[in-house]
Amino acid sequence: MNMYIWYIIIGGCIVTILPRTLPVMLISRININDRTAEFLKYIPISILTALVVSSLFILNNKFSIDIATVLASIITVAVAVKKNNLLLTVIVGVISIAVLRMIF
């Protein structure tokens, strides 16, 4: 293989790893107060919520509601709340979206 390709692969690895590891390494050495730690605890769930809601109601940069997707998400959330099992929730979500897309 050409060395140029190896340079691209290694450079891509470095560019991918640095933004993920540097903040963790820096924040782990800093003592943060309880209020900041409480604030940081809610960032992942708020980002996930924004991603899920935008994928549910926005299609081609327009507000749109896909009935199959909304029904599959309702079924998946119900299973997640009732069973509290991540693997089961993912399986039910994948199966429900597949079945509902075949129906609708």
Protein backbone atom coordinates (compact mmCIF):
# COMPACT_ATOMS: atom_id res chain seq x y z
CA MET A 1 0.00 0.00 0.00
CA ASN A 2 1.13 3.52 -0.68
CA MET A 3 2.59 5.45 2.29
CA TYR A 4 0.25 8.34 1.50
CA ILE A 5 -2.73 6.15 2.37
CA TRP A 6 -1.12 5.13 5.67
CA TYR A 7 -0.53 8.81 6.51
CA ILE A 8 -4.20 9.53 5.83
CA ILE A 9 -5.34 6.61 8.00
CA ILE A 10 -3.04 7.53 10.90
CA GLY A 11 -3.95 11.21 10.63
CA GLY A 12 -7.65 10.33 10.64
CA CYS A 13 -7.15 8.22 13.75
CA ILE A 14 -5.35 11.04 15.55
CA VAL A 15 -7.97 13.61 14.57
CA THR A 16 -10.72 11.27 15.75
CA ILE A 17 -9.11 10.26 19.05
CA LEU A 18 -7.84 13.66 20.26
CA PRO A 19 -11.22 15.42 20.64
CA ARG A 20 -12.56 12.42 22.54
CA THR A 21 -9.68 11.79 24.91
CA LEU A 22 -8.29 15.25 25.68
CA PRO A 23 -11.43 16.61 27.40
CA VAL A 24 -11.74 13.47 29.51
CA MET A 25 -8.10 13.64 30.53
CA LEU A 26 -8.30 17.34 31.38
CA ILE A 27 -11.60 17.23 33.29
CA SER A 28 -10.59 14.14 35.26
CA ARG A 29 -7.74 16.14 36.83
CA ILE A 30 -9.94 19.08 37.79
CA ASN A 31 -12.16 19.10 40.86
CA ILE A 32 -15.51 20.54 39.85
CA ASN A 33 -18.18 21.65 42.26
CA ASP A 34 -21.42 19.75 42.77
CA ARG A 35 -23.53 22.24 40.84
CA THR A 36 -21.37 21.93 37.73
CA ALA A 37 -21.30 18.14 38.01
CA GLU A 38 -25.09 18.10 38.25
CA PHE A 39 -25.31 20.30 35.15
CA LEU A 40 -22.91 18.09 33.17
CA LYS A 41 -24.91 15.00 34.09
CA TYR A 42 -27.88 16.20 31.97
CA ILE A 43 -25.94 17.02 28.79
CA PRO A 44 -26.00 13.50 27.22
CA ILE A 45 -29.75 13.05 27.71
CA SER A 46 -30.51 16.50 26.31
CA ILE A 47 -28.38 15.84 23.22
CA LEU A 48 -30.01 12.45 22.72
CA THR A 49 -33.47 13.98 23.10
CA ALA A 50 -32.68 16.65 20.51
CA LEU A 51 -31.44 14.02 18.05
CA VAL A 52 -34.46 11.76 18.53
CA VAL A 53 -37.05 14.55 18.31
CA SER A 54 -35.43 16.06 15.23
CA SER A 55 -35.36 12.67 13.51
CA LEU A 56 -39.00 12.05 14.41
CA PHE A 57 -40.47 15.32 13.18
CA ILE A 58 -38.10 16.73 10.54
CA LEU A 59 -37.83 15.23 7.07
CA ASN A 60 -36.00 16.98 4.21
CA ASN A 61 -35.59 20.11 6.37
CA LYS A 62 -39.36 20.42 6.80
CA PHE A 63 -41.66 19.60 9.68
CA SER A 64 -43.19 16.25 8.87
CA ILE A 65 -44.70 13.41 10.84
CA ASP A 66 -44.07 9.84 9.75
CA ILE A 67 -46.73 7.72 11.43
CA ALA A 68 -44.62 4.54 11.36
CA THR A 69 -41.67 6.22 13.05
CA VAL A 70 -43.80 7.88 15.71
CA LEU A 71 -45.65 4.64 16.50
CA ALA A 72 -42.38 2.69 16.66
CA SER A 73 -40.90 5.26 19.02
CA ILE A 74 -43.96 5.11 21.29
CA ILE A 75 -43.74 1.32 21.43
CA THR A 76 -39.99 1.48 22.09
CA VAL A 77 -40.34 4.05 24.88
CA ALA A 78 -43.09 1.97 26.50
CA VAL A 79 -40.87 -1.12 26.50
CA ALA A 80 -37.91 0.91 27.81
CA VAL A 81 -39.91 2.32 30.71
CA LYS A 82 -41.60 -0.95 31.62
CA LYS A 83 -38.71 -3.42 31.26
CA ASN A 84 -35.63 -1.22 31.87
CA ASN A 85 -33.58 -3.48 29.57
CA LEU A 86 -31.45 -1.81 26.89
CA LEU A 87 -31.01 -4.87 24.67
CA LEU A 88 -34.73 -5.63 24.70
CA THR A 89 -35.52 -1.98 23.97
CA VAL A 90 -33.22 -1.90 20.94
CA ILE A 91 -34.59 -5.18 19.60
CA VAL A 92 -38.20 -4.04 20.02
CA GLY A 93 -37.37 -0.70 18.37
CA VAL A 94 -35.74 -2.30 15.33
CA ILE A 95 -38.49 -4.89 14.90
CA SER A 96 -41.30 -2.37 15.40
CA ILE A 97 -39.90 0.11 12.86
CA ALA A 98 -39.36 -2.70 10.35
CA VAL A 99 -42.88 -4.06 10.74
CA LEU A 100 -44.54 -0.65 10.73
CA ARG A 101 -42.63 0.47 7.62
CA MET A 102 -43.86 -2.65 5.82
CA ILE A 103 -47.43 -1.87 6.87
CA PHE A 104 -47.43 1.87 6.10
